[in-house]
N, C-alpha and C. Protein backbone atom coordinates (compact mmCIF):
# COMPACT_ATOMS: atom_id res chain seq x y z
N MET A 1 0.68 -1.35 0.05
CA MET A 1 -0.21 -0.07 -0.34
C MET A 1 0.66 1.03 -0.09
N PRO A 2 1.05 2.31 -0.85
CA PRO A 2 1.55 3.38 -0.65
C PRO A 2 1.39 4.36 0.25
N SER A 3 2.80 5.14 0.76
CA SER A 3 1.83 5.62 1.91
C SER A 3 1.48 6.94 1.96
N PRO A 4 0.49 6.93 3.08
CA PRO A 4 -0.36 8.38 2.78
C PRO A 4 0.38 9.43 1.68
N ASP A 5 1.27 9.80 1.49
CA ASP A 5 1.88 11.70 1.56
C ASP A 5 1.91 10.74 -0.59
N ARG A 6 2.16 10.12 -0.91
CA ARG A 6 2.09 9.39 -2.40
C ARG A 6 1.04 8.70 -2.83
N ARG A 7 -0.33 8.46 -1.92
CA ARG A 7 -1.00 7.37 -2.44
C ARG A 7 -2.34 8.50 -3.60
N PRO A 8 -2.71 7.67 -3.84
CA PRO A 8 -3.71 8.28 -5.24
C PRO A 8 -4.54 9.75 -4.10
N ARG A 9 -4.79 10.62 -5.13
CA ARG A 9 -6.04 11.81 -4.75
C ARG A 9 -6.83 11.34 -5.42
N ARG A 10 -8.36 11.21 -4.85
CA ARG A 10 -9.45 11.05 -5.18
C ARG A 10 -10.72 12.18 -5.14
N LEU A 11 -11.25 12.65 -6.10
CA LEU A 11 -12.41 13.61 -6.23
C LEU A 11 -12.89 13.82 -6.75
N LEU A 12 -14.17 14.77 -5.98
CA LEU A 12 -15.78 14.69 -6.21
C LEU A 12 -15.64 15.46 -7.44
N LEU A 13 -16.40 15.55 -8.50
CA LEU A 13 -16.76 16.88 -9.11
C LEU A 13 -18.01 17.08 -9.03
N ILE A 14 -18.02 18.05 -9.03
CA ILE A 14 -19.71 18.64 -9.02
C ILE A 14 -19.53 19.54 -10.05
N ASP A 15 -20.64 19.37 -10.63
CA ASP A 15 -20.77 20.74 -12.33
C ASP A 15 -22.03 21.42 -10.99
N MET A 16 -21.62 22.54 -11.56
CA MET A 16 -22.17 23.91 -10.89
C MET A 16 -23.52 24.31 -11.20
N GLY A 17 -23.96 24.72 -12.55
CA GLY A 17 -25.22 24.86 -13.15
C GLY A 17 -26.18 23.36 -13.36
N GLY A 18 -27.08 23.74 -13.03
CA GLY A 18 -27.97 21.74 -12.25
C GLY A 18 -27.66 21.42 -11.48
N VAL A 19 -26.31 21.10 -10.73
CA VAL A 19 -26.01 20.81 -9.79
C VAL A 19 -26.14 21.53 -8.35
N PHE A 20 -24.74 21.70 -8.36
CA PHE A 20 -24.52 23.17 -7.21
C PHE A 20 -25.53 23.80 -6.52
N PHE A 21 -25.63 24.52 -8.55
CA PHE A 21 -27.29 25.49 -7.99
C PHE A 21 -28.01 24.91 -9.41
N ASP A 22 -29.61 25.23 -9.22
CA ASP A 22 -30.59 25.72 -10.43
C ASP A 22 -30.09 26.87 -10.98
N TYR A 23 -30.91 26.81 -12.59
CA TYR A 23 -30.80 27.46 -13.49
C TYR A 23 -31.86 27.10 -14.28
N SER A 24 -32.41 28.93 -15.23
CA SER A 24 -33.34 27.92 -16.24
C SER A 24 -32.60 29.40 -17.72
N PHE A 25 -32.34 28.89 -18.16
CA PHE A 25 -32.01 29.88 -19.59
C PHE A 25 -33.21 30.33 -20.13
N LEU A 26 -34.47 30.51 -19.85
CA LEU A 26 -35.48 30.88 -20.08
C LEU A 26 -35.97 32.18 -19.45
N LYS A 27 -35.15 32.01 -18.05
CA LYS A 27 -35.05 33.07 -17.44
C LYS A 27 -34.45 34.42 -18.20
N ALA A 28 -33.47 34.21 -19.48
CA ALA A 28 -32.82 35.14 -20.02
C ALA A 28 -33.59 35.72 -21.62
N ILE A 29 -34.01 34.51 -21.52
CA ILE A 29 -34.67 35.53 -22.68
C ILE A 29 -36.16 36.20 -22.75
N ASP A 30 -36.30 35.63 -21.09
CA ASP A 30 -38.28 36.46 -20.39
C ASP A 30 -37.24 37.40 -20.49
N ALA A 31 -36.22 37.45 -19.74
CA ALA A 31 -35.55 38.99 -19.48
C ALA A 31 -34.84 40.41 -20.64
N TRP A 32 -34.61 39.59 -21.46
CA TRP A 32 -34.74 40.41 -23.01
C TRP A 32 -35.70 40.66 -23.54
N ALA A 33 -36.66 39.74 -23.68
CA ALA A 33 -37.72 40.19 -24.13
C ALA A 33 -38.17 41.22 -23.40
N ALA A 34 -38.10 41.48 -22.57
CA ALA A 34 -38.52 42.09 -21.41
C ALA A 34 -38.37 43.68 -21.68
N ALA A 35 -36.83 43.71 -22.23
CA ALA A 35 -36.88 44.46 -22.19
C ALA A 35 -36.36 45.41 -23.36
N ALA A 36 -36.62 44.76 -24.17
CA ALA A 36 -36.21 44.92 -26.01
C ALA A 36 -38.55 45.63 -26.18
N GLY A 37 -39.02 45.01 -25.33
CA GLY A 37 -40.57 44.88 -26.12
C GLY A 37 -41.16 44.25 -27.03
N GLN A 38 -40.25 42.33 -26.41
CA GLN A 38 -40.87 41.46 -27.94
C GLN A 38 -41.52 40.46 -27.11
N ASP A 39 -41.77 39.59 -28.42
CA ASP A 39 -42.62 38.68 -27.86
C ASP A 39 -41.33 37.58 -27.37
N PRO A 40 -41.17 37.00 -26.02
CA PRO A 40 -40.41 35.83 -25.98
C PRO A 40 -40.52 34.12 -26.36
N GLN A 41 -41.55 33.94 -27.03
CA GLN A 41 -40.77 33.40 -28.07
C GLN A 41 -40.53 33.59 -29.81
N GLN A 42 -40.18 34.65 -30.02
CA GLN A 42 -39.33 35.04 -30.78
C GLN A 42 -38.41 35.03 -30.82
N LEU A 43 -37.85 34.87 -29.70
CA LEU A 43 -36.46 35.10 -29.27
C LEU A 43 -35.86 33.46 -28.48
N ARG A 44 -37.11 32.85 -28.61
CA ARG A 44 -36.25 32.03 -28.20
C ARG A 44 -36.32 30.74 -29.40
N ASP A 45 -36.92 31.89 -30.37
CA ASP A 45 -36.87 30.65 -31.74
C ASP A 45 -35.44 31.04 -32.12
N ARG A 46 -35.32 32.47 -32.11
CA ARG A 46 -33.51 32.67 -32.45
C ARG A 46 -32.67 32.70 -31.71
N TRP A 47 -32.51 32.29 -30.28
CA TRP A 47 -31.31 31.70 -29.38
C TRP A 47 -30.72 30.11 -30.51
N LEU A 48 -29.41 30.25 -30.27
CA LEU A 48 -28.57 28.89 -30.29
C LEU A 48 -27.79 29.30 -29.81
N ILE A 49 -27.12 28.18 -29.38
CA ILE A 49 -26.04 27.56 -28.42
C ILE A 49 -24.84 27.53 -30.00
N ASP A 50 -24.36 28.30 -30.43
CA ASP A 50 -23.43 28.43 -31.67
C ASP A 50 -22.02 28.61 -30.82
N ALA A 51 -20.84 28.81 -32.41
CA ALA A 51 -19.44 28.95 -31.91
C ALA A 51 -18.77 29.86 -31.04
N PRO A 52 -19.63 31.15 -31.63
CA PRO A 52 -19.23 32.41 -30.64
C PRO A 52 -19.69 31.65 -29.13
N PHE A 53 -20.88 31.01 -28.36
CA PHE A 53 -21.44 30.80 -27.28
C PHE A 53 -20.02 29.67 -26.97
N ASP A 54 -19.41 28.25 -27.12
CA ASP A 54 -18.72 28.03 -27.61
C ASP A 54 -17.41 28.50 -27.19
N ALA A 55 -17.07 29.17 -27.56
CA ALA A 55 -15.59 30.13 -28.14
C ALA A 55 -16.07 30.79 -26.93
N PHE A 56 -16.92 31.47 -26.43
CA PHE A 56 -17.23 32.66 -24.91
C PHE A 56 -16.83 31.79 -23.79
N GLU A 57 -17.34 30.41 -24.25
CA GLU A 57 -17.13 29.77 -23.03
C GLU A 57 -15.79 28.63 -22.61
N ARG A 58 -15.18 28.93 -23.74
CA ARG A 58 -13.10 28.42 -23.72
C ARG A 58 -12.62 29.53 -23.64
N GLY A 59 -13.34 31.37 -22.92
CA GLY A 59 -12.31 32.00 -22.99
C GLY A 59 -11.52 32.63 -23.73
N GLU A 60 -11.87 32.31 -25.11
CA GLU A 60 -11.68 32.36 -26.60
C GLU A 60 -12.38 34.04 -26.73
N ILE A 61 -12.57 34.41 -26.18
CA ILE A 61 -13.38 36.36 -26.73
C ILE A 61 -13.78 36.53 -25.68
N PRO A 62 -13.65 38.04 -25.86
CA PRO A 62 -13.99 38.93 -24.62
C PRO A 62 -15.72 39.10 -24.74
N PRO A 63 -15.87 39.59 -23.15
CA PRO A 63 -17.86 39.97 -23.20
C PRO A 63 -18.30 40.57 -24.13
N ALA A 64 -17.50 41.64 -24.61
CA ALA A 64 -17.97 42.69 -24.95
C ALA A 64 -17.89 42.25 -26.83
N VAL A 65 -17.27 41.18 -26.89
CA VAL A 65 -17.49 41.04 -28.31
C VAL A 65 -18.60 39.51 -28.24
N TYR A 66 -18.74 38.75 -27.50
CA TYR A 66 -19.87 37.91 -27.60
C TYR A 66 -21.62 38.99 -27.55
N LEU A 67 -21.58 39.82 -26.79
CA LEU A 67 -22.23 40.43 -26.21
C LEU A 67 -22.89 41.27 -28.07
N GLU A 68 -21.79 41.65 -28.67
CA GLU A 68 -22.39 42.03 -30.26
C GLU A 68 -23.01 40.63 -31.09
N HIS A 69 -22.54 40.02 -30.78
CA HIS A 69 -23.03 38.37 -30.77
C HIS A 69 -24.87 38.77 -30.63
N LEU A 70 -24.69 38.55 -29.30
CA LEU A 70 -25.73 37.96 -28.83
C LEU A 70 -26.68 39.17 -29.51
N ARG A 71 -26.19 39.86 -29.35
CA ARG A 71 -27.32 41.78 -29.47
C ARG A 71 -28.57 41.17 -31.43
N HIS A 72 -27.26 40.71 -32.30
CA HIS A 72 -27.49 40.45 -33.84
C HIS A 72 -28.34 39.10 -33.78
N LEU A 73 -27.76 38.36 -32.72
CA LEU A 73 -28.63 36.75 -33.17
C LEU A 73 -30.25 36.80 -32.79
N LEU A 74 -30.34 37.85 -31.41
CA LEU A 74 -31.48 37.54 -30.69
C LEU A 74 -32.38 39.17 -32.30
N ALA A 75 -31.56 39.77 -33.24
CA ALA A 75 -32.01 41.04 -33.25
C ALA A 75 -32.99 41.84 -32.26
N VAL A 76 -32.48 42.67 -31.66
CA VAL A 76 -32.27 43.50 -30.19
C VAL A 76 -31.68 43.91 -30.24
N ASP A 77 -32.17 45.63 -29.62
CA ASP A 77 -31.30 46.99 -29.51
C ASP A 77 -31.87 47.15 -28.31
N LEU A 78 -30.52 46.31 -27.27
CA LEU A 78 -30.44 46.27 -25.91
C LEU A 78 -28.77 46.79 -25.80
N ASP A 79 -29.07 47.78 -24.66
CA ASP A 79 -26.84 47.83 -24.90
C ASP A 79 -26.37 47.06 -23.51
N ASP A 80 -25.22 46.72 -23.74
CA ASP A 80 -23.86 45.82 -22.82
C ASP A 80 -24.78 45.57 -22.02
N GLU A 81 -25.80 46.31 -21.26
CA GLU A 81 -25.68 46.51 -20.01
C GLU A 81 -27.19 45.49 -19.67
N GLN A 82 -27.99 46.11 -20.47
CA GLN A 82 -29.34 44.96 -21.00
C GLN A 82 -29.18 43.54 -20.50
N LEU A 83 -27.97 43.62 -21.82
CA LEU A 83 -27.92 41.93 -22.32
C LEU A 83 -27.14 40.93 -21.00
N ALA A 84 -26.33 41.86 -20.87
CA ALA A 84 -25.56 41.05 -19.23
C ALA A 84 -26.54 40.98 -18.23
N ALA A 85 -27.78 41.75 -17.84
CA ALA A 85 -28.41 41.82 -16.76
C ALA A 85 -29.26 40.27 -17.12
N GLY A 86 -29.67 40.58 -18.52
CA GLY A 86 -30.74 39.19 -18.71
C GLY A 86 -30.26 37.90 -18.93
N TRP A 87 -29.04 38.28 -18.94
CA TRP A 87 -27.89 37.01 -19.18
C TRP A 87 -27.32 35.92 -17.51
N ASN A 88 -28.07 37.32 -16.88
CA ASN A 88 -27.34 36.65 -15.06
C ASN A 88 -28.17 36.50 -14.38
N ALA A 89 -29.77 36.24 -15.61
CA ALA A 89 -30.76 36.95 -14.59
C ALA A 89 -31.51 35.10 -14.63
N ILE A 90 -30.49 34.24 -14.69
CA ILE A 90 -30.99 32.50 -14.76
C ILE A 90 -30.54 31.61 -14.03
N TYR A 91 -30.51 32.85 -12.59
CA TYR A 91 -30.28 31.86 -11.27
C TYR A 91 -30.97 31.71 -10.69
N GLY A 92 -31.10 30.15 -9.87
CA GLY A 92 -32.26 30.16 -8.90
C GLY A 92 -30.94 29.54 -7.30
N THR A 93 -32.07 27.96 -6.85
CA THR A 93 -30.93 27.80 -5.93
C THR A 93 -30.49 27.14 -5.25
N THR A 94 -29.96 27.30 -4.48
CA THR A 94 -28.81 25.98 -3.78
C THR A 94 -30.00 24.51 -3.07
N ASP A 95 -29.81 23.64 -2.94
CA ASP A 95 -30.14 23.08 -2.35
C ASP A 95 -29.92 22.17 -1.09
N PRO A 96 -30.08 22.76 0.55
CA PRO A 96 -29.28 22.20 1.17
C PRO A 96 -29.08 20.76 1.47
N THR A 97 -29.44 20.07 1.43
CA THR A 97 -29.28 19.15 1.29
C THR A 97 -28.29 17.63 0.82
N LEU A 98 -27.71 18.98 -0.59
CA LEU A 98 -27.00 18.75 -1.37
C LEU A 98 -25.33 19.23 -0.31
N LEU A 99 -25.85 20.01 -0.38
CA LEU A 99 -25.09 21.46 0.86
C LEU A 99 -23.98 20.06 1.34
N ALA A 100 -25.01 19.78 2.54
CA ALA A 100 -24.95 18.50 3.51
C ALA A 100 -24.58 17.71 3.43
N LEU A 101 -24.94 17.31 2.24
CA LEU A 101 -24.32 15.44 1.91
C LEU A 101 -22.86 16.10 1.86
N LEU A 102 -22.95 17.02 0.42
CA LEU A 102 -20.61 17.36 0.13
C LEU A 102 -20.23 17.57 1.78
N ALA A 103 -20.98 18.15 2.69
CA ALA A 103 -19.86 18.87 3.91
C ALA A 103 -19.50 17.17 4.79
N GLY A 104 -20.65 16.31 4.26
CA GLY A 104 -20.72 15.23 5.67
C GLY A 104 -19.89 14.05 5.23
N PRO A 105 -19.71 13.44 5.98
CA PRO A 105 -18.83 12.07 6.20
C PRO A 105 -19.03 10.78 4.77
N GLU A 106 -20.04 11.34 4.14
CA GLU A 106 -20.67 10.32 3.43
C GLU A 106 -19.43 10.67 1.77
N VAL A 107 -19.12 12.15 1.80
CA VAL A 107 -18.49 12.48 0.81
C VAL A 107 -17.16 12.47 1.47
N ARG A 108 -17.21 13.00 2.40
CA ARG A 108 -15.56 13.91 3.05
C ARG A 108 -14.58 12.31 3.20
N GLY A 109 -15.55 11.57 3.44
CA GLY A 109 -14.63 10.55 4.41
C GLY A 109 -14.17 9.16 2.93
N ARG A 110 -14.79 9.86 1.45
CA ARG A 110 -14.35 8.68 0.20
C ARG A 110 -13.52 9.87 -0.22
N PHE A 111 -13.58 10.95 -0.29
CA PHE A 111 -12.85 11.89 -0.89
C PHE A 111 -11.75 12.70 -0.44
N ASP A 112 -10.62 13.06 -1.08
CA ASP A 112 -9.43 14.06 -0.64
C ASP A 112 -10.08 15.53 -0.86
N ALA A 113 -10.52 16.29 -2.09
CA ALA A 113 -11.50 17.02 -2.07
C ALA A 113 -12.73 16.66 -2.95
N VAL A 114 -14.01 17.82 -2.50
CA VAL A 114 -14.68 17.85 -3.67
C VAL A 114 -14.51 19.46 -4.21
N VAL A 115 -14.48 19.06 -5.64
CA VAL A 115 -13.89 20.81 -6.82
C VAL A 115 -15.41 20.39 -7.27
N GLY A 116 -15.40 22.18 -7.42
CA GLY A 116 -16.51 22.02 -8.47
C GLY A 116 -16.07 22.22 -9.49
N VAL A 117 -16.34 22.34 -11.14
CA VAL A 117 -16.60 22.08 -12.31
C VAL A 117 -18.05 23.01 -13.07
N SER A 118 -17.24 23.78 -14.33
CA SER A 118 -18.12 24.39 -13.98
C SER A 118 -18.29 25.08 -16.20
N ASN A 119 -19.04 24.53 -16.62
CA ASN A 119 -18.71 25.34 -18.04
C ASN A 119 -19.65 26.72 -18.04
N THR A 120 -18.77 27.58 -18.35
CA THR A 120 -19.14 29.08 -18.28
C THR A 120 -18.23 30.03 -18.26
N ASN A 121 -18.01 31.19 -18.06
CA ASN A 121 -17.69 32.21 -18.71
C ASN A 121 -16.75 33.82 -17.81
N ALA A 122 -16.95 34.80 -18.62
CA ALA A 122 -16.17 35.52 -17.43
C ALA A 122 -17.26 36.34 -17.39
N LEU A 123 -18.75 36.76 -18.09
CA LEU A 123 -19.78 37.01 -17.26
C LEU A 123 -20.00 36.48 -16.32
N HIS A 124 -20.80 34.71 -16.48
CA HIS A 124 -21.63 34.05 -15.49
C HIS A 124 -20.62 33.72 -14.18
N ALA A 125 -19.67 33.30 -14.90
CA ALA A 125 -18.94 33.38 -13.54
C ALA A 125 -18.57 34.04 -11.58
N PRO A 126 -18.71 35.56 -12.47
CA PRO A 126 -18.15 37.01 -11.09
C PRO A 126 -19.70 36.01 -10.74
N PHE A 127 -20.69 36.94 -11.87
CA PHE A 127 -22.13 36.87 -10.66
C PHE A 127 -21.95 35.57 -10.13
N TRP A 128 -22.52 33.72 -10.61
CA TRP A 128 -22.58 33.27 -9.64
C TRP A 128 -21.54 33.11 -8.28
N ARG A 129 -20.59 32.86 -8.53
CA ARG A 129 -19.33 33.04 -7.25
C ARG A 129 -19.73 34.46 -6.66
N GLU A 130 -20.49 35.45 -6.38
CA GLU A 130 -21.21 36.02 -5.38
C GLU A 130 -21.92 35.97 -5.15
N LEU A 131 -23.13 35.08 -5.73
CA LEU A 131 -24.50 35.53 -5.42
C LEU A 131 -24.53 33.70 -4.60
N TYR A 132 -23.92 32.93 -5.09
CA TYR A 132 -23.81 31.78 -3.71
C TYR A 132 -22.33 32.03 -3.09
N ARG A 133 -22.00 33.10 -2.75
CA ARG A 133 -20.23 32.71 -1.76
C ARG A 133 -20.90 32.35 -0.69
N GLU A 134 -21.63 31.81 -0.12
CA GLU A 134 -22.58 31.66 1.05
C GLU A 134 -22.05 30.24 1.65
N ASP A 135 -22.36 30.20 0.06
CA ASP A 135 -22.66 28.03 0.08
C ASP A 135 -21.25 27.51 -0.34
N LEU A 136 -20.55 27.78 -0.87
CA LEU A 136 -19.10 28.09 -2.26
C LEU A 136 -18.02 27.31 -1.05
N PRO A 137 -18.34 27.82 0.05
CA PRO A 137 -16.63 26.86 0.82
C PRO A 137 -17.52 25.58 0.86
N VAL A 138 -18.35 24.79 0.61
CA VAL A 138 -18.09 23.37 0.56
C VAL A 138 -17.19 22.94 0.00
N LEU A 139 -16.83 24.02 -0.74
CA LEU A 139 -16.34 23.34 -2.54
C LEU A 139 -14.70 23.75 -1.73
N ASP A 140 -14.24 22.96 -2.40
CA ASP A 140 -12.54 22.89 -1.94
C ASP A 140 -11.89 24.05 -3.18
N ALA A 141 -12.71 24.15 -4.40
CA ALA A 141 -11.77 24.93 -5.05
C ALA A 141 -12.81 24.29 -6.88
N VAL A 142 -12.88 25.04 -7.74
CA VAL A 142 -13.79 25.54 -8.58
C VAL A 142 -12.95 25.87 -9.30
N HIS A 143 -13.43 25.26 -11.19
CA HIS A 143 -12.58 25.02 -12.32
C HIS A 143 -13.05 25.48 -13.22
N CYS A 144 -13.26 26.47 -13.69
CA CYS A 144 -13.79 26.77 -14.86
C CYS A 144 -13.29 26.73 -16.10
N SER A 145 -14.39 26.37 -17.44
CA SER A 145 -13.63 26.52 -18.20
C SER A 145 -13.06 27.34 -19.37
N HIS A 146 -13.74 29.13 -18.99
CA HIS A 146 -13.42 30.02 -19.12
C HIS A 146 -11.91 30.24 -19.29
N GLU A 147 -11.38 29.85 -18.03
CA GLU A 147 -10.07 29.87 -17.25
C GLU A 147 -9.28 28.79 -17.80
N ILE A 148 -9.50 27.50 -18.28
CA ILE A 148 -9.06 26.49 -18.35
C ILE A 148 -8.56 26.40 -20.19
N GLY A 149 -9.44 27.43 -21.09
CA GLY A 149 -9.54 27.13 -22.15
C GLY A 149 -9.86 25.86 -22.90
N ALA A 150 -10.78 25.17 -22.05
CA ALA A 150 -11.62 24.34 -22.41
C ALA A 150 -12.61 24.02 -21.96
N THR A 151 -13.55 22.85 -22.34
CA THR A 151 -14.82 23.05 -21.92
C THR A 151 -15.41 21.09 -21.43
N LYS A 152 -16.05 21.14 -20.27
CA LYS A 152 -15.99 19.45 -20.18
C LYS A 152 -17.12 18.82 -21.37
N PRO A 153 -17.29 17.90 -21.75
CA PRO A 153 -16.63 16.86 -21.35
C PRO A 153 -15.24 16.08 -21.97
N GLY A 154 -14.31 17.37 -22.44
CA GLY A 154 -13.52 17.15 -23.12
C GLY A 154 -12.18 16.59 -22.34
N THR A 155 -11.37 16.00 -23.18
CA THR A 155 -10.38 15.16 -22.45
C THR A 155 -9.39 16.65 -21.84
N ALA A 156 -9.24 17.35 -22.27
CA ALA A 156 -8.06 18.60 -21.64
C ALA A 156 -9.14 18.63 -20.36
N PHE A 157 -10.37 19.49 -20.33
CA PHE A 157 -10.69 20.48 -19.02
C PHE A 157 -10.36 19.22 -17.86
N PHE A 158 -11.24 18.10 -17.89
CA PHE A 158 -10.70 17.10 -17.29
C PHE A 158 -9.27 16.81 -16.55
N ASP A 159 -8.26 16.53 -17.90
CA ASP A 159 -6.71 16.02 -17.43
C ASP A 159 -6.24 17.77 -16.71
N HIS A 160 -6.88 18.56 -16.95
CA HIS A 160 -6.47 19.77 -16.40
C HIS A 160 -6.71 19.71 -15.11
N VAL A 161 -7.91 19.63 -14.53
CA VAL A 161 -8.46 19.44 -13.37
C VAL A 161 -7.91 18.01 -12.63
N ALA A 162 -7.48 16.95 -12.79
CA ALA A 162 -6.61 15.86 -12.06
C ALA A 162 -5.27 16.52 -11.78
N ALA A 163 -4.50 16.72 -13.04
CA ALA A 163 -3.93 17.63 -13.00
C ALA A 163 -3.07 18.74 -11.84
N ALA A 164 -4.05 19.42 -11.81
CA ALA A 164 -4.40 20.47 -10.78
C ALA A 164 -4.17 20.19 -8.65
N HIS A 165 -4.63 19.19 -9.20
CA HIS A 165 -4.93 18.20 -7.72
C HIS A 165 -4.11 17.55 -6.90
N GLY A 166 -3.57 17.25 -8.44
CA GLY A 166 -2.35 15.82 -8.14
C GLY A 166 -2.41 14.61 -8.48
N ALA A 167 -3.98 14.48 -8.98
CA ALA A 167 -4.85 13.47 -8.98
C ALA A 167 -4.74 12.56 -10.25
N ARG A 168 -5.73 11.30 -10.93
CA ARG A 168 -5.15 10.39 -11.99
C ARG A 168 -6.81 10.28 -12.53
N ARG A 169 -6.45 10.70 -13.90
CA ARG A 169 -8.17 10.94 -14.12
C ARG A 169 -8.67 9.81 -13.96
N LYS A 170 -8.22 8.43 -13.44
CA LYS A 170 -9.58 7.76 -12.69
C LYS A 170 -9.86 7.32 -11.42
N ASP A 171 -8.96 8.55 -10.66
CA ASP A 171 -9.62 9.07 -9.70
C ASP A 171 -10.89 9.70 -9.24
N LEU A 172 -10.89 9.81 -10.93
CA LEU A 172 -11.99 11.54 -10.65
C LEU A 172 -13.35 10.29 -10.66
N VAL A 173 -14.15 11.42 -9.77
CA VAL A 173 -16.11 10.85 -10.04
C VAL A 173 -16.32 11.80 -10.09
N LEU A 174 -17.43 12.28 -11.23
CA LEU A 174 -17.93 13.44 -11.91
C LEU A 174 -19.25 13.09 -11.36
N VAL A 175 -20.32 14.24 -10.70
CA VAL A 175 -21.35 14.25 -10.61
C VAL A 175 -22.03 15.72 -11.56
N ASP A 176 -22.96 15.28 -12.82
CA ASP A 176 -23.14 16.09 -13.64
C ASP A 176 -24.59 15.52 -13.99
N ASP A 177 -25.29 16.65 -14.38
CA ASP A 177 -26.98 16.50 -14.97
C ASP A 177 -27.50 16.19 -16.21
N ILE A 178 -26.51 16.52 -16.74
CA ILE A 178 -26.26 16.03 -17.85
C ILE A 178 -25.83 14.71 -18.74
N ALA A 179 -26.64 13.76 -19.12
CA ALA A 179 -26.09 12.34 -19.06
C ALA A 179 -24.70 12.20 -20.53
N VAL A 180 -25.78 13.27 -21.39
CA VAL A 180 -24.20 13.14 -22.50
C VAL A 180 -22.83 13.67 -21.89
N VAL A 181 -22.97 14.46 -20.64
CA VAL A 181 -21.57 14.59 -20.63
C VAL A 181 -20.99 13.54 -19.14
N THR A 182 -21.93 12.47 -18.81
CA THR A 182 -21.70 12.14 -18.16
C THR A 182 -21.42 10.10 -19.30
N ASP A 183 -21.73 10.58 -19.72
CA ASP A 183 -21.59 9.20 -20.63
C ASP A 183 -20.45 8.97 -21.35
N ALA A 184 -20.04 10.60 -21.57
CA ALA A 184 -18.91 10.64 -22.25
C ALA A 184 -17.09 10.37 -20.92
N ALA A 185 -17.79 11.38 -20.02
CA ALA A 185 -16.80 10.98 -19.26
C ALA A 185 -16.35 9.52 -18.73
N THR A 186 -17.64 8.75 -18.70
CA THR A 186 -17.11 6.94 -18.33
C THR A 186 -16.70 7.30 -19.49
N ALA A 187 -16.41 7.24 -20.88
CA ALA A 187 -15.90 6.80 -21.79
C ALA A 187 -14.47 7.00 -22.06
N LEU A 188 -14.05 8.24 -20.80
CA LEU A 188 -12.77 8.55 -20.70
C LEU A 188 -11.84 7.35 -19.23
N GLY A 189 -12.66 6.68 -19.66
CA GLY A 189 -12.76 5.87 -18.13
C GLY A 189 -12.75 7.30 -16.43
N ILE A 190 -13.81 7.84 -16.21
CA ILE A 190 -13.86 7.97 -15.30
C ILE A 190 -15.15 7.92 -14.85
N ARG A 191 -15.86 7.46 -13.52
CA ARG A 191 -16.65 7.23 -13.02
C ARG A 191 -17.63 8.74 -13.17
N ALA A 192 -19.23 8.05 -13.24
CA ALA A 192 -19.79 9.32 -13.35
C ALA A 192 -21.00 9.21 -12.67
N HIS A 193 -21.87 10.05 -12.38
CA HIS A 193 -23.18 10.17 -12.41
C HIS A 193 -24.30 11.06 -12.18
N THR A 194 -25.44 10.55 -12.73
CA THR A 194 -26.37 11.89 -13.48
C THR A 194 -26.83 12.16 -12.32
N TYR A 195 -26.99 13.29 -12.21
CA TYR A 195 -27.50 13.88 -10.93
C TYR A 195 -29.29 14.06 -11.50
N GLN A 196 -29.69 13.52 -10.25
CA GLN A 196 -31.54 13.74 -10.11
C GLN A 196 -31.45 14.88 -8.71
N ASP A 197 -31.04 13.69 -7.69
CA ASP A 197 -31.40 14.82 -6.35
C ASP A 197 -30.36 14.08 -5.68
N PRO A 198 -30.06 14.32 -4.63
CA PRO A 198 -29.50 14.29 -2.86
C PRO A 198 -29.10 12.65 -2.59
N ALA A 199 -30.50 12.22 -3.19
CA ALA A 199 -30.54 10.93 -2.42
C ALA A 199 -30.22 9.76 -3.43
N ALA A 200 -30.79 9.97 -4.62
CA ALA A 200 -29.74 9.20 -5.21
C ALA A 200 -28.40 9.17 -5.64
N LEU A 201 -27.37 10.60 -5.35
CA LEU A 201 -26.57 10.48 -5.69
C LEU A 201 -25.21 10.31 -4.32
N ALA A 202 -26.31 10.29 -2.63
CA ALA A 202 -26.13 9.49 -1.88
C ALA A 202 -25.34 7.77 -1.89
N ALA A 203 -27.01 7.09 -3.34
CA ALA A 203 -26.53 5.59 -3.52
C ALA A 203 -26.06 5.70 -3.53
N PHE A 204 -25.76 6.32 -5.27
CA PHE A 204 -24.95 6.25 -6.06
C PHE A 204 -23.59 6.55 -5.20
N LEU A 205 -22.93 7.00 -4.23
CA LEU A 205 -21.76 7.22 -3.28
C LEU A 205 -21.81 5.16 -2.93
N ASP A 206 -22.99 4.81 -2.51
CA ASP A 206 -21.98 3.81 -1.36
C ASP A 206 -22.16 2.54 -2.21
N THR A 207 -21.69 2.82 -3.82
CA THR A 207 -21.87 1.85 -5.01
C THR A 207 -20.35 1.96 -4.95
N LEU A 208 -19.44 3.09 -4.49
CA LEU A 208 -18.20 2.87 -4.69
C LEU A 208 -17.28 3.04 -3.74
N ASP A 209 -16.04 2.25 -3.25
CA ASP A 209 -15.51 1.93 -2.40
C ASP A 209 -15.16 2.93 -1.13
N THR A 210 -15.01 2.66 -0.27
CA THR A 210 -15.16 3.69 0.87
C THR A 210 -13.61 4.28 0.93
N ALA A 211 -12.17 3.49 1.66
CA ALA A 211 -10.80 3.47 1.39
C ALA A 211 -10.04 4.68 0.27
N LYS A 212 -10.42 5.65 0.78
CA LYS A 212 -9.26 6.76 0.62
C LYS A 212 -7.83 6.51 0.18
N ASP A 213 -7.54 5.35 0.80
CA ASP A 213 -5.94 5.41 1.06
C ASP A 213 -5.67 3.73 -0.58
N ARG A 214 -6.58 3.42 -1.07
CA ARG A 214 -6.33 2.56 -2.13
C ARG A 214 -5.21 2.41 -3.01
N SER A 215 -4.90 1.62 -3.26
CA SER A 215 -3.34 1.68 -4.57
C SER A 215 -4.23 2.63 -5.81
């Protein structure tokens, strides 16, 4: 058995939007529609997760460039402040039961660190870091795609997180609300759970071995 200072580190990766906190992008659409005096359905029909969106989440373009693209995509006469306000109108609540689970022995007895992971951008991340500032300390660290330059479920994203914590990819356990992401992570050799609620997550954790000092 490896000595304690050389044993593999096991990390629990918690997706931020959809697991750590609730969100609905429809709130952004509704906010933009109200500000522009337009029908929300028209904006929903125009909205796309497109190449500029993906580039923004990888940190490849600055907020002003993405907001200009968004203005043309939605065909709205809104300034950057109005667009950013709608962009950040999506957030909901955290779940006290999940927070207690992440801080409790079911998690801390199995993992060396609990790490937030997020596909996000330079407008969203500062906003939710402030909004959830009282809850974020339950996480040991948070890694954001726009800071890494890669998005999950790409190999580069997970390998960056693993290296940052001295872990191996096979010692990561991912919790994400999107099945496509958890399936892709599984294909990379990462144990993954598609999140529904804290009870189902606790049951999943019970299927893992409990020893943090395994080889």
